[in-house]
Every structure is written in C-alpha cells, then in structure tokens.
PDB file of N, CA and C in Angstrom:
ATOM      1  N   MET A   1      -5.416 -34.667  38.750  1.00  0.00           N
ATOM      2  CA  MET A   1      -5.297 -33.258  39.071  1.00  0.00           C
ATOM      3  C   MET A   1      -6.622 -32.710  39.585  1.00  0.00           C
ATOM      4  N   LEU A   2      -7.698 -33.171  38.976  1.00  0.00           N
ATOM      5  CA  LEU A   2      -9.013 -32.672  39.368  1.00  0.00           C
ATOM      6  C   LEU A   2      -9.363 -33.092  40.786  1.00  0.00           C
ATOM      7  N   ILE A   3      -9.007 -34.304  41.177  1.00  0.00           N
ATOM      8  CA  ILE A   3      -9.324 -34.768  42.533  1.00  0.00           C
ATOM      9  C   ILE A   3      -8.575 -33.947  43.579  1.00  0.00           C
ATOM     10  N   VAL A   4      -7.361 -33.542  43.260  1.00  0.00           N
ATOM     11  CA  VAL A   4      -6.586 -32.709  44.183  1.00  0.00           C
ATOM     12  C   VAL A   4      -7.241 -31.337  44.320  1.00  0.00           C
ATOM     13  N   ALA A   5      -7.701 -30.778  43.210  1.00  0.00           N
ATOM     14  CA  ALA A   5      -8.361 -29.474  43.245  1.00  0.00           C
ATOM     15  C   ALA A   5      -9.655 -29.546  44.054  1.00  0.00           C
ATOM     16  N   VAL A   6     -10.433 -30.604  43.856  1.00  0.00           N
ATOM     17  CA  VAL A   6     -11.688 -30.748  44.602  1.00  0.00           C
ATOM     18  C   VAL A   6     -11.408 -30.920  46.090  1.00  0.00           C
ATOM     19  N   ALA A   7     -10.403 -31.707  46.427  1.00  0.00           N
ATOM     20  CA  ALA A   7     -10.041 -31.895  47.837  1.00  0.00           C
ATOM     21  C   ALA A   7      -9.578 -30.584  48.458  1.00  0.00           C
ATOM     22  N   TRP A   8      -8.799 -29.809  47.725  1.00  0.00           N
ATOM     23  CA  TRP A   8      -8.324 -28.525  48.241  1.00  0.00           C
ATOM     24  C   TRP A   8      -9.489 -27.556  48.448  1.00  0.00           C
ATOM     25  N   ILE A   9     -10.440 -27.549  47.534  1.00  0.00           N
ATOM     26  CA  ILE A   9     -11.626 -26.700  47.695  1.00  0.00           C
ATOM     27  C   ILE A   9     -12.381 -27.107  48.961  1.00  0.00           C
ATOM     28  N   TYR A  10     -12.504 -28.399  49.195  1.00  0.00           N
ATOM     29  CA  TYR A  10     -13.201 -28.901  50.390  1.00  0.00           C
ATOM     30  C   TYR A  10     -12.488 -28.444  51.661  1.00  0.00           C
ATOM     31  N   VAL A  11     -11.171 -28.624  51.701  1.00  0.00           N
ATOM     32  CA  VAL A  11     -10.399 -28.258  52.896  1.00  0.00           C
ATOM     33  C   VAL A  11     -10.492 -26.765  53.166  1.00  0.00           C
ATOM     34  N   VAL A  12     -10.288 -25.966  52.149  1.00  0.00           N
ATOM     35  CA  VAL A  12     -10.325 -24.514  52.337  1.00  0.00           C
ATOM     36  C   VAL A  12     -11.748 -24.046  52.626  1.00  0.00           C
ATOM     37  N   GLY A  13     -12.734 -24.705  52.049  1.00  0.00           N
ATOM     38  CA  GLY A  13     -14.124 -24.379  52.370  1.00  0.00           C
ATOM     39  C   GLY A  13     -14.422 -24.595  53.843  1.00  0.00           C
ATOM     40  N   LEU A  14     -13.922 -25.685  54.404  1.00  0.00           N
ATOM     41  CA  LEU A  14     -14.101 -25.926  55.833  1.00  0.00           C
ATOM     42  C   LEU A  14     -13.336 -24.901  56.669  1.00  0.00           C
ATOM     43  N   MET A  15     -12.150 -24.534  56.207  1.00  0.00           N
ATOM     44  CA  MET A  15     -11.405 -23.486  56.910  1.00  0.00           C
ATOM     45  C   MET A  15     -12.187 -22.177  56.909  1.00  0.00           C
ATOM     46  N   ALA A  16     -12.773 -21.841  55.768  1.00  0.00           N
ATOM     47  CA  ALA A  16     -13.520 -20.592  55.645  1.00  0.00           C
ATOM     48  C   ALA A  16     -14.761 -20.609  56.546  1.00  0.00           C
ATOM     49  N   LEU A  17     -15.380 -21.779  56.671  1.00  0.00           N
ATOM     50  CA  LEU A  17     -16.568 -21.870  57.529  1.00  0.00           C
ATOM     51  C   LEU A  17     -16.245 -21.658  59.002  1.00  0.00           C
ATOM     52  N   THR A  18     -15.015 -21.942  59.411  1.00  0.00           N
ATOM     53  CA  THR A  18     -14.649 -21.787  60.813  1.00  0.00           C
ATOM     54  C   THR A  18     -14.151 -20.382  61.152  1.00  0.00           C
ATOM     55  N   GLU A  19     -14.058 -19.516  60.178  1.00  0.00           N
ATOM     56  CA  GLU A  19     -13.630 -18.142  60.443  1.00  0.00           C
ATOM     57  C   GLU A  19     -14.694 -17.417  61.278  1.00  0.00           C
ATOM     58  N   PRO A  20     -14.272 -16.463  62.100  1.00  0.00           N
ATOM     59  CA  PRO A  20     -15.226 -15.788  62.994  1.00  0.00           C
ATOM     60  C   PRO A  20     -16.216 -14.855  62.298  1.00  0.00           C
ATOM     61  N   SER A  21     -15.892 -14.374  61.102  1.00  0.00           N
ATOM     62  CA  SER A  21     -16.827 -13.491  60.407  1.00  0.00           C
ATOM     63  C   SER A  21     -16.962 -13.928  58.948  1.00  0.00           C
ATOM     64  N   ILE A  22     -18.015 -13.462  58.326  1.00  0.00           N
ATOM     65  CA  ILE A  22     -18.262 -13.807  56.927  1.00  0.00           C
ATOM     66  C   ILE A  22     -17.185 -13.222  56.027  1.00  0.00           C
ATOM     67  N   VAL A  23     -16.780 -12.002  56.313  1.00  0.00           N
ATOM     68  CA  VAL A  23     -15.746 -11.341  55.504  1.00  0.00           C
ATOM     69  C   VAL A  23     -14.433 -12.118  55.593  1.00  0.00           C
ATOM     70  N   ALA A  24     -14.064 -12.541  56.789  1.00  0.00           N
ATOM     71  CA  ALA A  24     -12.834 -13.318  56.955  1.00  0.00           C
ATOM     72  C   ALA A  24     -12.933 -14.653  56.222  1.00  0.00           C
ATOM     73  N   GLY A  25     -14.104 -15.272  56.219  1.00  0.00           N
ATOM     74  CA  GLY A  25     -14.299 -16.522  55.505  1.00  0.00           C
ATOM     75  C   GLY A  25     -14.163 -16.343  54.007  1.00  0.00           C
ATOM     76  N   ILE A  26     -14.734 -15.271  53.491  1.00  0.00           N
ATOM     77  CA  ILE A  26     -14.634 -14.996  52.052  1.00  0.00           C
ATOM     78  C   ILE A  26     -13.197 -14.708  51.657  1.00  0.00           C
ATOM     79  N   VAL A  27     -12.504 -13.918  52.451  1.00  0.00           N
ATOM     80  CA  VAL A  27     -11.104 -13.595  52.166  1.00  0.00           C
ATOM     81  C   VAL A  27     -10.250 -14.856  52.237  1.00  0.00           C
ATOM     82  N   THR A  28     -10.492 -15.693  53.241  1.00  0.00           N
ATOM     83  CA  THR A  28      -9.761 -16.952  53.356  1.00  0.00           C
ATOM     84  C   THR A  28      -9.984 -17.806  52.121  1.00  0.00           C
ATOM     85  N   PHE A  29     -11.228 -17.931  51.692  1.00  0.00           N
ATOM     86  CA  PHE A  29     -11.536 -18.752  50.529  1.00  0.00           C
ATOM     87  C   PHE A  29     -10.886 -18.191  49.267  1.00  0.00           C
ATOM     88  N   LEU A  30     -10.937 -16.877  49.106  1.00  0.00           N
ATOM     89  CA  LEU A  30     -10.342 -16.267  47.914  1.00  0.00           C
ATOM     90  C   LEU A  30      -8.829 -16.446  47.872  1.00  0.00           C
ATOM     91  N   PHE A  31      -8.161 -16.130  48.984  1.00  0.00           N
ATOM     92  CA  PHE A  31      -6.700 -16.113  48.979  1.00  0.00           C
ATOM     93  C   PHE A  31      -6.067 -17.480  49.193  1.00  0.00           C
ATOM     94  N   TYR A  32      -6.778 -18.435  49.782  1.00  0.00           N
ATOM     95  CA  TYR A  32      -6.226 -19.774  49.967  1.00  0.00           C
ATOM     96  C   TYR A  32      -6.730 -20.763  48.934  1.00  0.00           C
ATOM     97  N   CYS A  33      -7.798 -20.435  48.225  1.00  0.00           N
ATOM     98  CA  CYS A  33      -8.386 -21.402  47.313  1.00  0.00           C
ATOM     99  C   CYS A  33      -8.458 -20.879  45.875  1.00  0.00           C
ATOM    100  N   VAL A  34      -9.168 -19.807  45.662  1.00  0.00           N
ATOM    101  CA  VAL A  34      -9.444 -19.351  44.296  1.00  0.00           C
ATOM    102  C   VAL A  34      -8.164 -18.908  43.582  1.00  0.00           C
ATOM    103  N   LEU A  35      -7.393 -18.057  44.191  1.00  0.00           N
ATOM    104  CA  LEU A  35      -6.175 -17.572  43.536  1.00  0.00           C
ATOM    105  C   LEU A  35      -5.132 -18.672  43.306  1.00  0.00           C
ATOM    106  N   PRO A  36      -4.778 -19.464  44.329  1.00  0.00           N
ATOM    107  CA  PRO A  36      -3.781 -20.513  44.078  1.00  0.00           C
ATOM    108  C   PRO A  36      -4.258 -21.573  43.081  1.00  0.00           C
ATOM    109  N   LEU A  37      -5.515 -21.982  43.180  1.00  0.00           N
ATOM    110  CA  LEU A  37      -6.012 -23.009  42.262  1.00  0.00           C
ATOM    111  C   LEU A  37      -6.102 -22.502  40.835  1.00  0.00           C
ATOM    112  N   SER A  38      -6.523 -21.263  40.659  1.00  0.00           N
ATOM    113  CA  SER A  38      -6.592 -20.734  39.306  1.00  0.00           C
ATOM    114  C   SER A  38      -5.197 -20.645  38.691  1.00  0.00           C
ATOM    115  N   THR A  39      -4.213 -20.259  39.466  1.00  0.00           N
ATOM    116  CA  THR A  39      -2.838 -20.205  38.988  1.00  0.00           C
ATOM    117  C   THR A  39      -2.327 -21.602  38.651  1.00  0.00           C
ATOM    118  N   LEU A  40      -2.575 -22.555  39.529  1.00  0.00           N
ATOM    119  CA  LEU A  40      -2.122 -23.925  39.314  1.00  0.00           C
ATOM    120  C   LEU A  40      -2.774 -24.544  38.083  1.00  0.00           C
ATOM    121  N   ILE A  41      -4.063 -24.362  37.918  1.00  0.00           N
ATOM    122  CA  ILE A  41      -4.770 -24.928  36.770  1.00  0.00           C
ATOM    123  C   ILE A  41      -4.310 -24.263  35.474  1.00  0.00           C
ATOM    124  N   TYR A  42      -4.045 -22.958  35.521  1.00  0.00           N
ATOM    125  CA  TYR A  42      -3.537 -22.257  34.338  1.00  0.00           C
ATOM    126  C   TYR A  42      -2.176 -22.805  33.934  1.00  0.00           C
ATOM    127  N   ILE A  43      -1.282 -22.984  34.893  1.00  0.00           N
ATOM    128  CA  ILE A  43       0.055 -23.489  34.598  1.00  0.00           C
ATOM    129  C   ILE A  43      -0.013 -24.934  34.122  1.00  0.00           C
ATOM    130  N   ALA A  44      -0.862 -25.732  34.734  1.00  0.00           N
ATOM    131  CA  ALA A  44      -0.974 -27.140  34.352  1.00  0.00           C
ATOM    132  C   ALA A  44      -1.550 -27.296  32.951  1.00  0.00           C
ATOM    133  N   GLY A  45      -2.360 -26.357  32.497  1.00  0.00           N
ATOM    134  CA  GLY A  45      -2.965 -26.453  31.182  1.00  0.00           C
ATOM    135  C   GLY A  45      -2.143 -25.858  30.061  1.00  0.00           C
ATOM    136  N   THR A  46      -0.956 -25.370  30.364  1.00  0.00           N
ATOM    137  CA  THR A  46      -0.127 -24.724  29.354  1.00  0.00           C
ATOM    138  C   THR A  46       0.231 -25.684  28.218  1.00  0.00           C
ATOM    139  N   GLY A  47       0.590 -26.901  28.544  1.00  0.00           N
ATOM    140  CA  GLY A  47       0.960 -27.868  27.515  1.00  0.00           C
ATOM    141  C   GLY A  47      -0.194 -28.184  26.581  1.00  0.00           C
ATOM    142  N   LYS A  48      -1.382 -28.319  27.135  1.00  0.00           N
ATOM    143  CA  LYS A  48      -2.555 -28.594  26.301  1.00  0.00           C
ATOM    144  C   LYS A  48      -2.869 -27.414  25.383  1.00  0.00           C
ATOM    145  N   ARG A  49      -2.739 -26.201  25.909  1.00  0.00           N
ATOM    146  CA  ARG A  49      -2.992 -25.020  25.071  1.00  0.00           C
ATOM    147  C   ARG A  49      -1.993 -24.942  23.933  1.00  0.00           C
ATOM    148  N   LYS A  50      -0.713 -25.228  24.211  1.00  0.00           N
ATOM    149  CA  LYS A  50       0.303 -25.205  23.160  1.00  0.00           C
ATOM    150  C   LYS A  50       0.027 -26.267  22.109  1.00  0.00           C
ATOM    151  N   ALA A  51      -0.345 -27.462  22.550  1.00  0.00           N
ATOM    152  CA  ALA A  51      -0.630 -28.540  21.604  1.00  0.00           C
ATOM    153  C   ALA A  51      -1.844 -28.207  20.749  1.00  0.00           C
ATOM    154  N   ARG A  52      -2.867 -27.626  21.354  1.00  0.00           N
ATOM    155  CA  ARG A  52      -4.067 -27.234  20.614  1.00  0.00           C
ATOM    156  C   ARG A  52      -3.733 -26.160  19.584  1.00  0.00           C
ATOM    157  N   ARG A  53      -2.877 -25.198  19.964  1.00  0.00           N
ATOM    158  CA  ARG A  53      -2.482 -24.131  19.045  1.00  0.00           C
ATOM    159  C   ARG A  53      -1.680 -24.707  17.876  1.00  0.00           C
ATOM    160  N   ARG A  54      -0.741 -25.636  18.178  1.00  0.00           N
ATOM    161  CA  ARG A  54       0.043 -26.265  17.117  1.00  0.00           C
ATOM    162  C   ARG A  54      -0.844 -27.057  16.166  1.00  0.00           C
ATOM    163  N   ALA A  55      -1.826 -27.773  16.709  1.00  0.00           N
ATOM    164  CA  ALA A  55      -2.734 -28.559  15.866  1.00  0.00           C
ATOM    165  C   ALA A  55      -3.565 -27.646  14.975  1.00  0.00           C
ATOM    166  N   ALA A  56      -4.007 -26.508  15.504  1.00  0.00           N
ATOM    167  CA  ALA A  56      -4.798 -25.567  14.710  1.00  0.00           C
ATOM    168  C   ALA A  56      -3.935 -24.955  13.604  1.00  0.00           C
ATOM    169  N   GLU A  57      -2.697 -24.626  13.927  1.00  0.00           N
ATOM    170  CA  GLU A  57      -1.802 -24.083  12.907  1.00  0.00           C
ATOM    171  C   GLU A  57      -1.515 -25.121  11.827  1.00  0.00           C
ATOM    172  N   GLN A  58      -1.310 -26.369  12.238  1.00  0.00           N
ATOM    173  CA  GLN A  58      -1.051 -27.431  11.266  1.00  0.00           C
ATOM    174  C   GLN A  58      -2.275 -27.654  10.385  1.00  0.00           C
ATOM    175  N   ALA A  59      -3.456 -27.621  10.963  1.00  0.00           N
ATOM    176  CA  ALA A  59      -4.683 -27.793  10.181  1.00  0.00           C
ATOM    177  C   ALA A  59      -4.854 -26.645   9.192  1.00  0.00           C
ATOM    178  N   ALA A  60      -4.509 -25.435   9.625  1.00  0.00           N
ATOM    179  CA  ALA A  60      -4.605 -24.276   8.728  1.00  0.00           C
ATOM    180  C   ALA A  60      -3.609 -24.410   7.575  1.00  0.00           C
ATOM    181  N   ARG A  61      -2.396 -24.889   7.881  1.00  0.00           N
ATOM    182  CA  ARG A  61      -1.399 -25.100   6.838  1.00  0.00           C
ATOM    183  C   ARG A  61      -1.845 -26.191   5.858  1.00  0.00           C
ATOM    184  N   ASP A  62      -2.407 -27.248   6.416  1.00  0.00           N
ATOM    185  CA  ASP A  62      -2.875 -28.341   5.558  1.00  0.00           C
ATOM    186  C   ASP A  62      -4.046 -27.880   4.681  1.00  0.00           C
ATOM    187  N   ALA A  63      -4.927 -27.097   5.220  1.00  0.00           N
ATOM    188  CA  ALA A  63      -6.079 -26.595   4.445  1.00  0.00           C
ATOM    189  C   ALA A  63      -5.609 -25.606   3.392  1.00  0.00           C
ATOM    190  N   GLY A  64      -4.597 -24.844   3.696  1.00  0.00           N
ATOM    191  CA  GLY A  64      -4.093 -23.843   2.752  1.00  0.00           C
ATOM    192  C   GLY A  64      -3.314 -24.467   1.611  1.00  0.00           C
ATOM    193  N   SER A  65      -2.711 -25.641   1.846  1.00  0.00           N
ATOM    194  CA  SER A  65      -1.906 -26.263   0.797  1.00  0.00           C
ATOM    195  C   SER A  65      -2.732 -27.202  -0.073  1.00  0.00           C
ATOM    196  N   PHE A  66      -4.005 -27.316   0.199  1.00  0.00           N
ATOM    197  CA  PHE A  66      -4.882 -28.192  -0.592  1.00  0.00           C
ATOM    198  C   PHE A  66      -5.103 -27.585  -1.965  1.00  0.00           C
ATOM    199  N   GLU A  67      -4.775 -28.361  -2.985  1.00  0.00           N
ATOM    200  CA  GLU A  67      -4.974 -27.894  -4.358  1.00  0.00           C
ATOM    201  C   GLU A  67      -5.974 -28.801  -5.054  1.00  0.00           C
ATOM    202  N   PRO A  68      -7.130 -28.284  -5.427  1.00  0.00           N
ATOM    203  CA  PRO A  68      -8.123 -29.113  -6.101  1.00  0.00           C
ATOM    204  C   PRO A  68      -7.649 -29.490  -7.510  1.00  0.00           C
ATOM    205  N   ASP A  69      -8.058 -30.649  -7.972  1.00  0.00           N
ATOM    206  CA  ASP A  69      -7.677 -31.130  -9.322  1.00  0.00           C
ATOM    207  C   ASP A  69      -8.489 -30.486 -10.397  1.00  0.00           C
TER     208      ASP A  69
END
C-alpha cells in the first residue's frame, strides 16, 4: 500500500510541476494527491484501528478482573 501511495505522490507531484502557475500546481497537488490519499489511507487503516481498540478493551478487562491472592 505504501509503494502505491509513494508512486501516486510522485505522479501527481510531476503533474503539479507542469502546471502554468504556482497556485494551479498547489491546487492540483491538494485535490489530486493530498485529499484522495488521506481518504484512502484512513479507510485502509480502519481494520487496524478496530483491532487496536479491541485489544485495548480486552487488556482493560483482563487488568480489571485480576484478583491478587
């Protein structure tokens, strides 16, 4: 996934460099690279966030049920 993101940043960066003005290049980079990639990475990380949350809840339950002798 990371290699695809890096390749996309490279492609869009080159597209932005060929724009006629700096403002157009920045807008191109933002709307073709930053927004789509941030959305894609957020969606792709949903499973990891859920698993991390479940593990933290399980650890809290396990710590709470510990009864010292």
